[in-house]
Amino acid sequence: MTELDGMADGEYTAVIDAIEDGFATVFFEQDGTDAGHAVIDASELPEEGRHADAILSATISDAEITTVDYDPEATATRKDAAQSRFDRLSSRPPSDEES
């Protein structure tokens, strides 16, 4: 069960959104641009990368994933950047009395 038919052959960064009932919802990026998404069998993914927000590098050829590798460093970097954004956005601005 894949939805890769409309995706061009090439190298992609893949981000796992969620895994439910043995299927992973994966968003693909190429050159920093959203390229599409697919629901794929989670067993096609590296075991260590079978979790939400995992970053993988994937090669698609003829509407099939031919290689996929988990990138733990990119996963940690993206997680830290998201946490920093959340922390900045959740901090309350000073009131007129505090400034």
PDB file of N, CA and C in Angstrom:
ATOM      1  N   MET A   1       0.839  -1.175   0.000  1.00  0.00           N
ATOM      2  CA  MET A   1       0.000   0.000   0.000  1.00  0.00           C
ATOM      3  C   MET A   1       0.883   1.237   0.000  1.00  0.00           C
ATOM      4  N   THR A   2       1.130   1.817  -1.151  1.00  0.00           N
ATOM      5  CA  THR A   2       1.914   3.044  -1.230  1.00  0.00           C
ATOM      6  C   THR A   2       1.207   4.032  -2.132  1.00  0.00           C
ATOM      7  N   GLU A   3       1.618   5.252  -2.014  1.00  0.00           N
ATOM      8  CA  GLU A   3       1.070   6.318  -2.843  1.00  0.00           C
ATOM      9  C   GLU A   3       2.219   7.057  -3.514  1.00  0.00           C
ATOM     10  N   LEU A   4       3.197   6.317  -3.994  1.00  0.00           N
ATOM     11  CA  LEU A   4       4.404   6.906  -4.564  1.00  0.00           C
ATOM     12  C   LEU A   4       4.315   7.085  -6.070  1.00  0.00           C
ATOM     13  N   ASP A   5       3.201   6.723  -6.687  1.00  0.00           N
ATOM     14  CA  ASP A   5       3.081   6.770  -8.139  1.00  0.00           C
ATOM     15  C   ASP A   5       3.368   8.149  -8.718  1.00  0.00           C
ATOM     16  N   GLY A   6       2.988   9.211  -8.042  1.00  0.00           N
ATOM     17  CA  GLY A   6       3.183  10.552  -8.582  1.00  0.00           C
ATOM     18  C   GLY A   6       4.535  11.158  -8.267  1.00  0.00           C
ATOM     19  N   MET A   7       5.398  10.437  -7.574  1.00  0.00           N
ATOM     20  CA  MET A   7       6.687  10.999  -7.169  1.00  0.00           C
ATOM     21  C   MET A   7       7.779  10.638  -8.168  1.00  0.00           C
ATOM     22  N   ALA A   8       8.583  11.639  -8.493  1.00  0.00           N
ATOM     23  CA  ALA A   8       9.687  11.446  -9.433  1.00  0.00           C
ATOM     24  C   ALA A   8      10.781  10.591  -8.801  1.00  0.00           C
ATOM     25  N   ASP A   9      11.510   9.884  -9.628  1.00  0.00           N
ATOM     26  CA  ASP A   9      12.661   9.123  -9.158  1.00  0.00           C
ATOM     27  C   ASP A   9      13.673  10.097  -8.564  1.00  0.00           C
ATOM     28  N   GLY A  10      14.322   9.687  -7.489  1.00  0.00           N
ATOM     29  CA  GLY A  10      15.361  10.523  -6.911  1.00  0.00           C
ATOM     30  C   GLY A  10      15.570  10.288  -5.432  1.00  0.00           C
ATOM     31  N   GLU A  11      16.404  11.145  -4.859  1.00  0.00           N
ATOM     32  CA  GLU A  11      16.754  11.095  -3.441  1.00  0.00           C
ATOM     33  C   GLU A  11      15.842  12.043  -2.675  1.00  0.00           C
ATOM     34  N   TYR A  12      15.349  11.595  -1.529  1.00  0.00           N
ATOM     35  CA  TYR A  12      14.421  12.376  -0.717  1.00  0.00           C
ATOM     36  C   TYR A  12      14.807  12.309   0.754  1.00  0.00           C
ATOM     37  N   THR A  13      14.424  13.340   1.482  1.00  0.00           N
ATOM     38  CA  THR A  13      14.416  13.282   2.929  1.00  0.00           C
ATOM     39  C   THR A  13      13.003  12.879   3.302  1.00  0.00           C
ATOM     40  N   ALA A  14      12.874  11.861   4.128  1.00  0.00           N
ATOM     41  CA  ALA A  14      11.567  11.358   4.534  1.00  0.00           C
ATOM     42  C   ALA A  14      11.388  11.598   6.029  1.00  0.00           C
ATOM     43  N   VAL A  15      10.222  12.094   6.404  1.00  0.00           N
ATOM     44  CA  VAL A  15       9.905  12.364   7.799  1.00  0.00           C
ATOM     45  C   VAL A  15       8.679  11.535   8.167  1.00  0.00           C
ATOM     46  N   ILE A  16       8.808  10.714   9.192  1.00  0.00           N
ATOM     47  CA  ILE A  16       7.681   9.897   9.619  1.00  0.00           C
ATOM     48  C   ILE A  16       6.762  10.751  10.485  1.00  0.00           C
ATOM     49  N   ASP A  17       5.517  10.848  10.061  1.00  0.00           N
ATOM     50  CA  ASP A  17       4.531  11.602  10.821  1.00  0.00           C
ATOM     51  C   ASP A  17       3.940  10.733  11.926  1.00  0.00           C
ATOM     52  N   ALA A  18       3.546   9.534  11.581  1.00  0.00           N
ATOM     53  CA  ALA A  18       2.926   8.636  12.559  1.00  0.00           C
ATOM     54  C   ALA A  18       3.003   7.208  12.067  1.00  0.00           C
ATOM     55  N   ILE A  19       2.935   6.282  13.014  1.00  0.00           N
ATOM     56  CA  ILE A  19       2.834   4.859  12.680  1.00  0.00           C
ATOM     57  C   ILE A  19       1.637   4.310  13.449  1.00  0.00           C
ATOM     58  N   GLU A  20       0.691   3.760  12.694  1.00  0.00           N
ATOM     59  CA  GLU A  20      -0.509   3.185  13.291  1.00  0.00           C
ATOM     60  C   GLU A  20      -0.871   1.897  12.563  1.00  0.00           C
ATOM     61  N   ASP A  21      -1.193   0.893  13.320  1.00  0.00           N
ATOM     62  CA  ASP A  21      -1.635  -0.392  12.767  1.00  0.00           C
ATOM     63  C   ASP A  21      -0.664  -0.953  11.730  1.00  0.00           C
ATOM     64  N   GLY A  22       0.631  -0.743  11.952  1.00  0.00           N
ATOM     65  CA  GLY A  22       1.640  -1.292  11.059  1.00  0.00           C
ATOM     66  C   GLY A  22       1.906  -0.477   9.805  1.00  0.00           C
ATOM     67  N   PHE A  23       1.277   0.692   9.685  1.00  0.00           N
ATOM     68  CA  PHE A  23       1.495   1.554   8.524  1.00  0.00           C
ATOM     69  C   PHE A  23       2.047   2.902   8.968  1.00  0.00           C
ATOM     70  N   ALA A  24       2.989   3.415   8.196  1.00  0.00           N
ATOM     71  CA  ALA A  24       3.616   4.697   8.499  1.00  0.00           C
ATOM     72  C   ALA A  24       3.157   5.753   7.505  1.00  0.00           C
ATOM     73  N   THR A  25       2.784   6.909   8.026  1.00  0.00           N
ATOM     74  CA  THR A  25       2.515   8.069   7.179  1.00  0.00           C
ATOM     75  C   THR A  25       3.834   8.821   7.076  1.00  0.00           C
ATOM     76  N   VAL A  26       4.328   8.964   5.854  1.00  0.00           N
ATOM     77  CA  VAL A  26       5.648   9.530   5.615  1.00  0.00           C
ATOM     78  C   VAL A  26       5.527  10.719   4.675  1.00  0.00           C
ATOM     79  N   PHE A  27       6.156  11.839   5.059  1.00  0.00           N
ATOM     80  CA  PHE A  27       6.213  13.023   4.209  1.00  0.00           C
ATOM     81  C   PHE A  27       7.593  13.082   3.583  1.00  0.00           C
ATOM     82  N   PHE A  28       7.642  13.403   2.303  1.00  0.00           N
ATOM     83  CA  PHE A  28       8.898  13.449   1.559  1.00  0.00           C
ATOM     84  C   PHE A  28       9.240  14.881   1.186  1.00  0.00           C
ATOM     85  N   GLU A  29      10.521  15.218   1.307  1.00  0.00           N
ATOM     86  CA  GLU A  29      11.042  16.526   0.925  1.00  0.00           C
ATOM     87  C   GLU A  29      12.190  16.313  -0.049  1.00  0.00           C
ATOM     88  N   GLN A  30      12.325  17.240  -0.975  1.00  0.00           N
ATOM     89  CA  GLN A  30      13.451  17.191  -1.901  1.00  0.00           C
ATOM     90  C   GLN A  30      13.931  18.618  -2.095  1.00  0.00           C
ATOM     91  N   ASP A  31      15.207  18.853  -1.831  1.00  0.00           N
ATOM     92  CA  ASP A  31      15.797  20.189  -1.929  1.00  0.00           C
ATOM     93  C   ASP A  31      15.022  21.207  -1.094  1.00  0.00           C
ATOM     94  N   GLY A  32      14.603  20.789   0.113  1.00  0.00           N
ATOM     95  CA  GLY A  32      13.901  21.677   1.024  1.00  0.00           C
ATOM     96  C   GLY A  32      12.455  21.969   0.673  1.00  0.00           C
ATOM     97  N   THR A  33      11.913  21.277  -0.318  1.00  0.00           N
ATOM     98  CA  THR A  33      10.538  21.505  -0.765  1.00  0.00           C
ATOM     99  C   THR A  33       9.715  20.247  -0.537  1.00  0.00           C
ATOM    100  N   ASP A  34       8.465  20.442  -0.074  1.00  0.00           N
ATOM    101  CA  ASP A  34       7.573  19.297   0.079  1.00  0.00           C
ATOM    102  C   ASP A  34       7.383  18.627  -1.273  1.00  0.00           C
ATOM    103  N   ALA A  35       7.539  17.300  -1.276  1.00  0.00           N
ATOM    104  CA  ALA A  35       7.431  16.558  -2.533  1.00  0.00           C
ATOM    105  C   ALA A  35       6.242  15.607  -2.544  1.00  0.00           C
ATOM    106  N   GLY A  36       5.632  15.382  -1.393  1.00  0.00           N
ATOM    107  CA  GLY A  36       4.489  14.485  -1.343  1.00  0.00           C
ATOM    108  C   GLY A  36       4.502  13.665  -0.069  1.00  0.00           C
ATOM    109  N   HIS A  37       3.548  12.779   0.025  1.00  0.00           N
ATOM    110  CA  HIS A  37       3.478  11.898   1.182  1.00  0.00           C
ATOM    111  C   HIS A  37       2.910  10.553   0.747  1.00  0.00           C
ATOM    112  N   ALA A  38       3.093   9.587   1.618  1.00  0.00           N
ATOM    113  CA  ALA A  38       2.600   8.242   1.320  1.00  0.00           C
ATOM    114  C   ALA A  38       2.348   7.506   2.623  1.00  0.00           C
ATOM    115  N   VAL A  39       1.501   6.516   2.553  1.00  0.00           N
ATOM    116  CA  VAL A  39       1.298   5.584   3.653  1.00  0.00           C
ATOM    117  C   VAL A  39       1.946   4.279   3.200  1.00  0.00           C
ATOM    118  N   ILE A  40       2.948   3.852   3.964  1.00  0.00           N
ATOM    119  CA  ILE A  40       3.685   2.654   3.575  1.00  0.00           C
ATOM    120  C   ILE A  40       3.706   1.657   4.734  1.00  0.00           C
ATOM    121  N   ASP A  41       3.954   0.425   4.414  1.00  0.00           N
ATOM    122  CA  ASP A  41       4.086  -0.615   5.423  1.00  0.00           C
ATOM    123  C   ASP A  41       5.314  -0.292   6.275  1.00  0.00           C
ATOM    124  N   ALA A  42       5.130  -0.189   7.574  1.00  0.00           N
ATOM    125  CA  ALA A  42       6.231   0.176   8.463  1.00  0.00           C
ATOM    126  C   ALA A  42       7.386  -0.811   8.395  1.00  0.00           C
ATOM    127  N   SER A  43       7.124  -2.051   8.004  1.00  0.00           N
ATOM    128  CA  SER A  43       8.200  -3.042   7.914  1.00  0.00           C
ATOM    129  C   SER A  43       9.207  -2.699   6.816  1.00  0.00           C
ATOM    130  N   GLU A  44       8.862  -1.769   5.914  1.00  0.00           N
ATOM    131  CA  GLU A  44       9.796  -1.326   4.881  1.00  0.00           C
ATOM    132  C   GLU A  44      10.828  -0.335   5.414  1.00  0.00           C
ATOM    133  N   LEU A  45      10.627   0.121   6.646  1.00  0.00           N
ATOM    134  CA  LEU A  45      11.515   1.117   7.249  1.00  0.00           C
ATOM    135  C   LEU A  45      12.535   0.453   8.155  1.00  0.00           C
ATOM    136  N   PRO A  46      13.705   1.095   8.336  1.00  0.00           N
ATOM    137  CA  PRO A  46      14.679   0.545   9.280  1.00  0.00           C
ATOM    138  C   PRO A  46      14.057   0.497  10.680  1.00  0.00           C
ATOM    139  N   GLU A  47      14.307  -0.564  11.399  1.00  0.00           N
ATOM    140  CA  GLU A  47      13.686  -0.762  12.706  1.00  0.00           C
ATOM    141  C   GLU A  47      13.927   0.416  13.649  1.00  0.00           C
ATOM    142  N   GLU A  48      15.150   0.939  13.676  1.00  0.00           N
ATOM    143  CA  GLU A  48      15.466   2.029  14.600  1.00  0.00           C
ATOM    144  C   GLU A  48      14.788   3.349  14.201  1.00  0.00           C
ATOM    145  N   GLY A  49      14.302   3.415  12.990  1.00  0.00           N
ATOM    146  CA  GLY A  49      13.634   4.621  12.515  1.00  0.00           C
ATOM    147  C   GLY A  49      12.126   4.501  12.453  1.00  0.00           C
ATOM    148  N   ARG A  50      11.576   3.525  13.110  1.00  0.00           N
ATOM    149  CA  ARG A  50      10.117   3.320  13.078  1.00  0.00           C
ATOM    150  C   ARG A  50       9.442   4.049  14.236  1.00  0.00           C
ATOM    151  N   HIS A  51       9.534   5.382  14.207  1.00  0.00           N
ATOM    152  CA  HIS A  51       8.871   6.192  15.231  1.00  0.00           C
ATOM    153  C   HIS A  51       8.549   7.564  14.651  1.00  0.00           C
ATOM    154  N   ALA A  52       7.566   8.201  15.249  1.00  0.00           N
ATOM    155  CA  ALA A  52       7.166   9.530  14.785  1.00  0.00           C
ATOM    156  C   ALA A  52       8.355  10.481  14.842  1.00  0.00           C
ATOM    157  N   ASP A  53       8.457  11.348  13.853  1.00  0.00           N
ATOM    158  CA  ASP A  53       9.481  12.377  13.725  1.00  0.00           C
ATOM    159  C   ASP A  53      10.860  11.836  13.336  1.00  0.00           C
ATOM    160  N   ALA A  54      10.955  10.559  13.009  1.00  0.00           N
ATOM    161  CA  ALA A  54      12.231  10.017  12.531  1.00  0.00           C
ATOM    162  C   ALA A  54      12.532  10.607  11.154  1.00  0.00           C
ATOM    163  N   ILE A  55      13.803  10.907  10.919  1.00  0.00           N
ATOM    164  CA  ILE A  55      14.258  11.433   9.637  1.00  0.00           C
ATOM    165  C   ILE A  55      15.023  10.324   8.931  1.00  0.00           C
ATOM    166  N   LEU A  56      14.660  10.104   7.674  1.00  0.00           N
ATOM    167  CA  LEU A  56      15.306   9.073   6.879  1.00  0.00           C
ATOM    168  C   LEU A  56      15.742   9.664   5.540  1.00  0.00           C
ATOM    169  N   SER A  57      16.706   9.037   4.923  1.00  0.00           N
ATOM    170  CA  SER A  57      17.025   9.367   3.534  1.00  0.00           C
ATOM    171  C   SER A  57      16.493   8.203   2.709  1.00  0.00           C
ATOM    172  N   ALA A  58      15.796   8.544   1.642  1.00  0.00           N
ATOM    173  CA  ALA A  58      15.145   7.512   0.834  1.00  0.00           C
ATOM    174  C   ALA A  58      15.409   7.751  -0.638  1.00  0.00           C
ATOM    175  N   THR A  59      15.523   6.668  -1.369  1.00  0.00           N
ATOM    176  CA  THR A  59      15.633   6.726  -2.819  1.00  0.00           C
ATOM    177  C   THR A  59      14.381   6.090  -3.391  1.00  0.00           C
ATOM    178  N   ILE A  60      13.737   6.816  -4.313  1.00  0.00           N
ATOM    179  CA  ILE A  60      12.544   6.308  -4.978  1.00  0.00           C
ATOM    180  C   ILE A  60      12.874   6.075  -6.436  1.00  0.00           C
ATOM    181  N   SER A  61      12.499   4.913  -6.916  1.00  0.00           N
ATOM    182  CA  SER A  61      12.707   4.553  -8.310  1.00  0.00           C
ATOM    183  C   SER A  61      11.496   3.766  -8.785  1.00  0.00           C
ATOM    184  N   ASP A  62      10.905   4.181  -9.893  1.00  0.00           N
ATOM    185  CA  ASP A  62       9.729   3.506 -10.447  1.00  0.00           C
ATOM    186  C   ASP A  62       8.619   3.333  -9.411  1.00  0.00           C
ATOM    187  N   ALA A  63       8.356   4.419  -8.664  1.00  0.00           N
ATOM    188  CA  ALA A  63       7.284   4.466  -7.657  1.00  0.00           C
ATOM    189  C   ALA A  63       7.479   3.473  -6.516  1.00  0.00           C
ATOM    190  N   GLU A  64       8.729   3.101  -6.243  1.00  0.00           N
ATOM    191  CA  GLU A  64       9.046   2.218  -5.126  1.00  0.00           C
ATOM    192  C   GLU A  64      10.229   2.782  -4.359  1.00  0.00           C
ATOM    193  N   ILE A  65      10.210   2.572  -3.055  1.00  0.00           N
ATOM    194  CA  ILE A  65      11.367   2.944  -2.246  1.00  0.00           C
ATOM    195  C   ILE A  65      12.412   1.863  -2.431  1.00  0.00           C
ATOM    196  N   THR A  66      13.556   2.246  -2.999  1.00  0.00           N
ATOM    197  CA  THR A  66      14.596   1.247  -3.260  1.00  0.00           C
ATOM    198  C   THR A  66      15.636   1.202  -2.151  1.00  0.00           C
ATOM    199  N   THR A  67      15.898   2.337  -1.501  1.00  0.00           N
ATOM    200  CA  THR A  67      16.776   2.350  -0.323  1.00  0.00           C
ATOM    201  C   THR A  67      16.190   3.325   0.685  1.00  0.00           C
ATOM    202  N   VAL A  68      16.392   3.006   1.941  1.00  0.00           N
ATOM    203  CA  VAL A  68      15.953   3.900   3.017  1.00  0.00           C
ATOM    204  C   VAL A  68      16.892   3.696   4.199  1.00  0.00           C
ATOM    205  N   ASP A  69      17.409   4.809   4.728  1.00  0.00           N
ATOM    206  CA  ASP A  69      18.337   4.767   5.854  1.00  0.00           C
ATOM    207  C   ASP A  69      17.895   5.762   6.919  1.00  0.00           C
ATOM    208  N   TYR A  70      17.946   5.337   8.167  1.00  0.00           N
ATOM    209  CA  TYR A  70      17.607   6.195   9.299  1.00  0.00           C
ATOM    210  C   TYR A  70      18.762   7.148   9.560  1.00  0.00           C
ATOM    211  N   ASP A  71      18.460   8.416   9.843  1.00  0.00           N
ATOM    212  CA  ASP A  71      19.475   9.426  10.138  1.00  0.00           C
ATOM    213  C   ASP A  71      19.264   9.946  11.556  1.00  0.00           C
ATOM    214  N   PRO A  72      19.894   9.306  12.559  1.00  0.00           N
ATOM    215  CA  PRO A  72      19.662   9.708  13.943  1.00  0.00           C
ATOM    216  C   PRO A  72      20.124  11.136  14.235  1.00  0.00           C
ATOM    217  N   GLU A  73      21.202  11.598  13.590  1.00  0.00           N
ATOM    218  CA  GLU A  73      21.684  12.962  13.823  1.00  0.00           C
ATOM    219  C   GLU A  73      20.677  13.992  13.318  1.00  0.00           C
ATOM    220  N   ALA A  74      20.147  13.796  12.116  1.00  0.00           N
ATOM    221  CA  ALA A  74      19.148  14.722  11.579  1.00  0.00           C
ATOM    222  C   ALA A  74      17.880  14.686  12.423  1.00  0.00           C
ATOM    223  N   THR A  75      17.530  13.515  12.931  1.00  0.00           N
ATOM    224  CA  THR A  75      16.352  13.386  13.787  1.00  0.00           C
ATOM    225  C   THR A  75      16.535  14.212  15.052  1.00  0.00           C
ATOM    226  N   ALA A  76      17.698  14.094  15.691  1.00  0.00           N
ATOM    227  CA  ALA A  76      17.971  14.845  16.925  1.00  0.00           C
ATOM    228  C   ALA A  76      18.022  16.346  16.652  1.00  0.00           C
ATOM    229  N   THR A  77      18.644  16.741  15.553  1.00  0.00           N
ATOM    230  CA  THR A  77      18.749  18.158  15.209  1.00  0.00           C
ATOM    231  C   THR A  77      17.372  18.766  14.986  1.00  0.00           C
ATOM    232  N   ARG A  78      16.526  18.063  14.237  1.00  0.00           N
ATOM    233  CA  ARG A  78      15.184  18.583  13.967  1.00  0.00           C
ATOM    234  C   ARG A  78      14.362  18.647  15.252  1.00  0.00           C
ATOM    235  N   LYS A  79      14.519  17.652  16.107  1.00  0.00           N
ATOM    236  CA  LYS A  79      13.788  17.639  17.377  1.00  0.00           C
ATOM    237  C   LYS A  79      14.218  18.818  18.246  1.00  0.00           C
ATOM    238  N   ASP A  80      15.523  19.072  18.325  1.00  0.00           N
ATOM    239  CA  ASP A  80      16.025  20.196  19.123  1.00  0.00           C
ATOM    240  C   ASP A  80      15.536  21.532  18.573  1.00  0.00           C
ATOM    241  N   ALA A  81      15.525  21.684  17.247  1.00  0.00           N
ATOM    242  CA  ALA A  81      15.055  22.928  16.632  1.00  0.00           C
ATOM    243  C   ALA A  81      13.573  23.140  16.920  1.00  0.00           C
ATOM    244  N   ALA A  82      12.790  22.083  16.854  1.00  0.00           N
ATOM    245  CA  ALA A  82      11.354  22.192  17.140  1.00  0.00           C
ATOM    246  C   ALA A  82      11.128  22.560  18.601  1.00  0.00           C
ATOM    247  N   GLN A  83      11.901  21.967  19.496  1.00  0.00           N
ATOM    248  CA  GLN A  83      11.763  22.293  20.923  1.00  0.00           C
ATOM    249  C   GLN A  83      12.139  23.743  21.181  1.00  0.00           C
ATOM    250  N   SER A  84      13.186  24.237  20.521  1.00  0.00           N
ATOM    251  CA  SER A  84      13.588  25.637  20.680  1.00  0.00           C
ATOM    252  C   SER A  84      12.486  26.584  20.208  1.00  0.00           C
ATOM    253  N   ARG A  85      11.891  26.269  19.059  1.00  0.00           N
ATOM    254  CA  ARG A  85      10.786  27.094  18.560  1.00  0.00           C
ATOM    255  C   ARG A  85       9.625  27.094  19.545  1.00  0.00           C
ATOM    256  N   PHE A  86       9.293  25.912  20.051  1.00  0.00           N
ATOM    257  CA  PHE A  86       8.203  25.807  21.018  1.00  0.00           C
ATOM    258  C   PHE A  86       8.518  26.629  22.262  1.00  0.00           C
ATOM    259  N   ASP A  87       9.742  26.508  22.768  1.00  0.00           N
ATOM    260  CA  ASP A  87      10.128  27.244  23.969  1.00  0.00           C
ATOM    261  C   ASP A  87      10.033  28.749  23.750  1.00  0.00           C
ATOM    262  N   ARG A  88      10.496  29.227  22.591  1.00  0.00           N
ATOM    263  CA  ARG A  88      10.419  30.663  22.287  1.00  0.00           C
ATOM    264  C   ARG A  88       8.976  31.123  22.201  1.00  0.00           C
ATOM    265  N   LEU A  89       8.145  30.340  21.508  1.00  0.00           N
ATOM    266  CA  LEU A  89       6.754  30.732  21.317  1.00  0.00           C
ATOM    267  C   LEU A  89       5.938  30.631  22.599  1.00  0.00           C
ATOM    268  N   SER A  90       6.316  29.743  23.493  1.00  0.00           N
ATOM    269  CA  SER A  90       5.526  29.565  24.709  1.00  0.00           C
ATOM    270  C   SER A  90       5.932  30.513  25.832  1.00  0.00           C
ATOM    271  N   SER A  91       7.068  31.205  25.669  1.00  0.00           N
ATOM    272  CA  SER A  91       7.449  32.149  26.724  1.00  0.00           C
ATOM    273  C   SER A  91       6.589  33.400  26.596  1.00  0.00           C
ATOM    274  N   ARG A  92       6.081  33.822  27.706  1.00  0.00           N
ATOM    275  CA  ARG A  92       5.151  34.943  27.716  1.00  0.00           C
ATOM    276  C   ARG A  92       5.941  36.231  27.588  1.00  0.00           C
ATOM    277  N   PRO A  93       5.460  37.161  26.767  1.00  0.00           N
ATOM    278  CA  PRO A  93       6.159  38.448  26.652  1.00  0.00           C
ATOM    279  C   PRO A  93       6.027  39.219  27.963  1.00  0.00           C
ATOM    280  N   PRO A  94       6.992  40.046  28.272  1.00  0.00           N
ATOM    281  CA  PRO A  94       6.906  40.794  29.535  1.00  0.00           C
ATOM    282  C   PRO A  94       5.739  41.785  29.512  1.00  0.00           C
ATOM    283  N   SER A  95       5.131  41.938  30.654  1.00  0.00           N
ATOM    284  CA  SER A  95       4.048  42.925  30.747  1.00  0.00           C
ATOM    285  C   SER A  95       4.653  44.322  30.804  1.00  0.00           C
ATOM    286  N   ASP A  96       3.817  45.330  30.677  1.00  0.00           N
ATOM    287  CA  ASP A  96       4.321  46.709  30.745  1.00  0.00           C
ATOM    288  C   ASP A  96       5.013  46.978  32.067  1.00  0.00           C
ATOM    289  N   GLU A  97       4.554  46.354  33.128  1.00  0.00           N
ATOM    290  CA  GLU A  97       5.145  46.553  34.456  1.00  0.00           C
ATOM    291  C   GLU A  97       6.508  45.879  34.551  1.00  0.00           C
ATOM    292  N   GLU A  98       6.742  44.785  33.805  1.00  0.00           N
ATOM    293  CA  GLU A  98       7.997  44.051  33.888  1.00  0.00           C
ATOM    294  C   GLU A  98       9.068  44.614  32.973  1.00  0.00           C
ATOM    295  N   SER A  99       8.707  45.382  31.954  1.00  0.00           N
ATOM    296  CA  SER A  99       9.713  45.863  31.010  1.00  0.00           C
ATOM    297  C   SER A  99      10.341  47.149  31.421  1.00  0.00           C
TER     298      SER A  99
END
